[in-house]
C-alpha atoms as a PDB file:
ATOM      1  CA  MET A   1       5.202   3.463  -2.026  1.00  0.00           C
ATOM      2  CA  ALA A   2       4.753   5.583  -5.134  1.00  0.00           C
ATOM      3  CA  GLY A   3       8.091   6.878  -6.366  1.00  0.00           C
ATOM      4  CA  ASP A   4       6.453   9.353  -8.728  1.00  0.00           C
ATOM      5  CA  ARG A   5       4.011  10.474  -6.032  1.00  0.00           C
ATOM      6  CA  ASP A   6       0.538  11.512  -7.232  1.00  0.00           C
ATOM      7  CA  ARG A   7       1.694  11.597 -10.864  1.00  0.00           C
ATOM      8  CA  THR A   8       1.501   7.787 -10.794  1.00  0.00           C
ATOM      9  CA  ASP A   9      -1.634   6.429 -12.490  1.00  0.00           C
ATOM     10  CA  TRP A  10      -2.471   3.968  -9.729  1.00  0.00           C
ATOM     11  CA  VAL A  11      -2.310   6.734  -7.105  1.00  0.00           C
ATOM     12  CA  ARG A  12      -4.587   8.962  -9.201  1.00  0.00           C
ATOM     13  CA  ASN A  13      -7.009   6.064  -9.543  1.00  0.00           C
ATOM     14  CA  LEU A  14      -7.165   5.339  -5.806  1.00  0.00           C
ATOM     15  CA  LEU A  15      -7.625   9.028  -5.004  1.00  0.00           C
ATOM     16  CA  ARG A  16     -10.765   8.941  -7.176  1.00  0.00           C
ATOM     17  CA  THR A  17     -11.933   5.492  -6.096  1.00  0.00           C
ATOM     18  CA  PRO A  18     -10.287   4.278  -2.880  1.00  0.00           C
ATOM     19  CA  GLU A  19     -12.093   0.918  -2.805  1.00  0.00           C
ATOM     20  CA  VAL A  20      -9.598  -1.743  -3.861  1.00  0.00           C
ATOM     21  CA  GLY A  21      -9.472  -5.474  -4.379  1.00  0.00           C
ATOM     22  CA  ILE A  22      -6.358  -7.567  -3.874  1.00  0.00           C
ATOM     23  CA  ARG A  23      -5.883 -11.178  -4.855  1.00  0.00           C
ATOM     24  CA  ILE A  24      -3.056 -13.296  -3.466  1.00  0.00           C
ATOM     25  CA  ALA A  25      -3.145 -16.831  -4.847  1.00  0.00           C
ATOM     26  CA  ASP A  26      -6.763 -17.935  -4.273  1.00  0.00           C
ATOM     27  CA  ARG A  27      -7.573 -15.427  -1.504  1.00  0.00           C
ATOM     28  CA  GLU A  28      -9.338 -12.158  -2.190  1.00  0.00           C
ATOM     29  CA  PHE A  29      -9.206  -9.091   0.018  1.00  0.00           C
ATOM     30  CA  ARG A  30     -11.235  -5.901  -0.106  1.00  0.00           C
ATOM     31  CA  GLY A  31     -10.319  -2.634   1.450  1.00  0.00           C
ATOM     32  CA  ARG A  32      -9.759   1.096   1.113  1.00  0.00           C
ATOM     33  CA  ALA A  33      -6.524   2.694   0.011  1.00  0.00           C
ATOM     34  CA  ALA A  34      -5.311   6.044   1.309  1.00  0.00           C
ATOM     35  CA  VAL A  35      -2.217   8.183   1.019  1.00  0.00           C
ATOM     36  CA  LEU A  36      -0.590   8.400   4.431  1.00  0.00           C
ATOM     37  CA  ASP A  37      -0.263  11.741   6.190  1.00  0.00           C
ATOM     38  CA  ALA A  38       3.375  12.846   5.920  1.00  0.00           C
ATOM     39  CA  SER A  39       3.601  13.657   9.621  1.00  0.00           C
ATOM     40  CA  SER A  40       2.079  10.365  10.814  1.00  0.00           C
ATOM     41  CA  GLU A  41       3.782   7.459  12.524  1.00  0.00           C
ATOM     42  CA  GLU A  42       2.417   5.208   9.754  1.00  0.00           C
ATOM     43  CA  ASP A  43       4.308   7.259   7.157  1.00  0.00           C
ATOM     44  CA  ALA A  44       7.572   6.884   9.070  1.00  0.00           C
ATOM     45  CA  GLN A  45       6.934   3.167   9.574  1.00  0.00           C
ATOM     46  CA  ALA A  46       6.210   2.611   5.862  1.00  0.00           C
ATOM     47  CA  ARG A  47       9.449   4.341   4.881  1.00  0.00           C
ATOM     48  CA  GLY A  48      11.398   2.302   7.425  1.00  0.00           C
ATOM     49  CA  LEU A  49       9.890  -0.980   6.230  1.00  0.00           C
ATOM     50  CA  LEU A  50      10.731  -0.148   2.628  1.00  0.00           C
ATOM     51  CA  LEU A  51      14.359   0.558   3.497  1.00  0.00           C
ATOM     52  CA  ASP A  52      14.652  -2.510   5.736  1.00  0.00           C
ATOM     53  CA  LYS A  53      13.398  -4.690   2.892  1.00  0.00           C
ATOM     54  CA  TYR A  54      15.383  -3.292  -0.043  1.00  0.00           C
ATOM     55  CA  ARG A  55      18.568  -1.791   1.362  1.00  0.00           C
ATOM     56  CA  PRO A  56      20.367  -5.096   2.144  1.00  0.00           C
ATOM     57  CA  GLY A  57      20.225  -6.372  -1.459  1.00  0.00           C
ATOM     58  CA  TYR A  58      20.337  -3.060  -3.313  1.00  0.00           C
ATOM     59  CA  SER A  59      23.608  -1.396  -4.221  1.00  0.00           C
ATOM     60  CA  GLY A  60      22.025   1.891  -5.316  1.00  0.00           C
ATOM     61  CA  ASP A  61      20.913   4.913  -3.371  1.00  0.00           C
ATOM     62  CA  LEU A  62      17.433   4.689  -1.820  1.00  0.00           C
ATOM     63  CA  SER A  63      17.502   8.094  -0.136  1.00  0.00           C
ATOM     64  CA  GLY A  64      15.202   9.559  -2.807  1.00  0.00           C
ATOM     65  CA  TRP A  65      12.508   6.983  -2.086  1.00  0.00           C
ATOM     66  CA  GLU A  66      12.998   7.431   1.629  1.00  0.00           C
ATOM     67  CA  ARG A  67      12.645  11.200   1.338  1.00  0.00           C
ATOM     68  CA  ASP A  68      10.257  11.704  -1.600  1.00  0.00           C
ATOM     69  CA  GLY A  69       8.205   8.528  -2.049  1.00  0.00           C
ATOM     70  CA  LEU A  70       4.476   8.653  -1.325  1.00  0.00           C
ATOM     71  CA  PRO A  71       3.378   5.918   1.105  1.00  0.00           C
ATOM     72  CA  VAL A  72      -0.046   4.420   0.463  1.00  0.00           C
ATOM     73  CA  ALA A  73      -1.838   2.116   2.898  1.00  0.00           C
ATOM     74  CA  VAL A  74      -4.593  -0.378   2.182  1.00  0.00           C
ATOM     75  CA  ARG A  75      -6.862  -1.008   5.121  1.00  0.00           C
ATOM     76  CA  ILE A  76      -8.386  -4.444   4.772  1.00  0.00           C
ATOM     77  CA  GLU A  77     -12.110  -4.353   5.476  1.00  0.00           C
ATOM     78  CA  GLU A  78     -13.210  -7.767   4.307  1.00  0.00           C
ATOM     79  CA  ILE A  79     -11.659 -11.056   3.334  1.00  0.00           C
ATOM     80  CA  ALA A  80     -13.631 -13.032   0.764  1.00  0.00           C
ATOM     81  CA  SER A  81     -13.298 -16.779   0.604  1.00  0.00           C
ATOM     82  CA  PRO A  82     -12.667 -18.530  -2.747  1.00  0.00           C
ATOM     83  CA  GLY A  83     -16.419 -19.193  -2.958  1.00  0.00           C
ATOM     84  CA  GLY A  84     -17.139 -15.473  -2.753  1.00  0.00           C
ATOM     85  CA  GLU A  85     -18.495 -15.529   0.792  1.00  0.00           C
ATOM     86  CA  SER A  86     -17.015 -13.370   3.517  1.00  0.00           C
ATOM     87  CA  ALA A  87     -14.484 -15.166   5.680  1.00  0.00           C
ATOM     88  CA  TYR A  88     -15.682 -13.105   8.660  1.00  0.00           C
ATOM     89  CA  PRO A  89     -18.712 -14.190  10.624  1.00  0.00           C
ATOM     90  CA  PRO A  90     -21.690 -11.770  10.474  1.00  0.00           C
END
């Protein structure tokens, strides 16, 4: 979720080059990032997940993020093993 919408550097970067790499511990993921369509179910789900996660421990107002944030999804296309080989069979 980009609070500053498409003025955020990382959103500008993915709009130009949507191919992304993500590393979590020793696992690497590849995929494509995309801004979600504002009228889509995915957009509503992303906003709901954000609020469900942060609202319980946050004393501030999250209505701005809920209303104005820009949800971005990463669709995982490939999982690379630590040795660099695809974890998916051919």
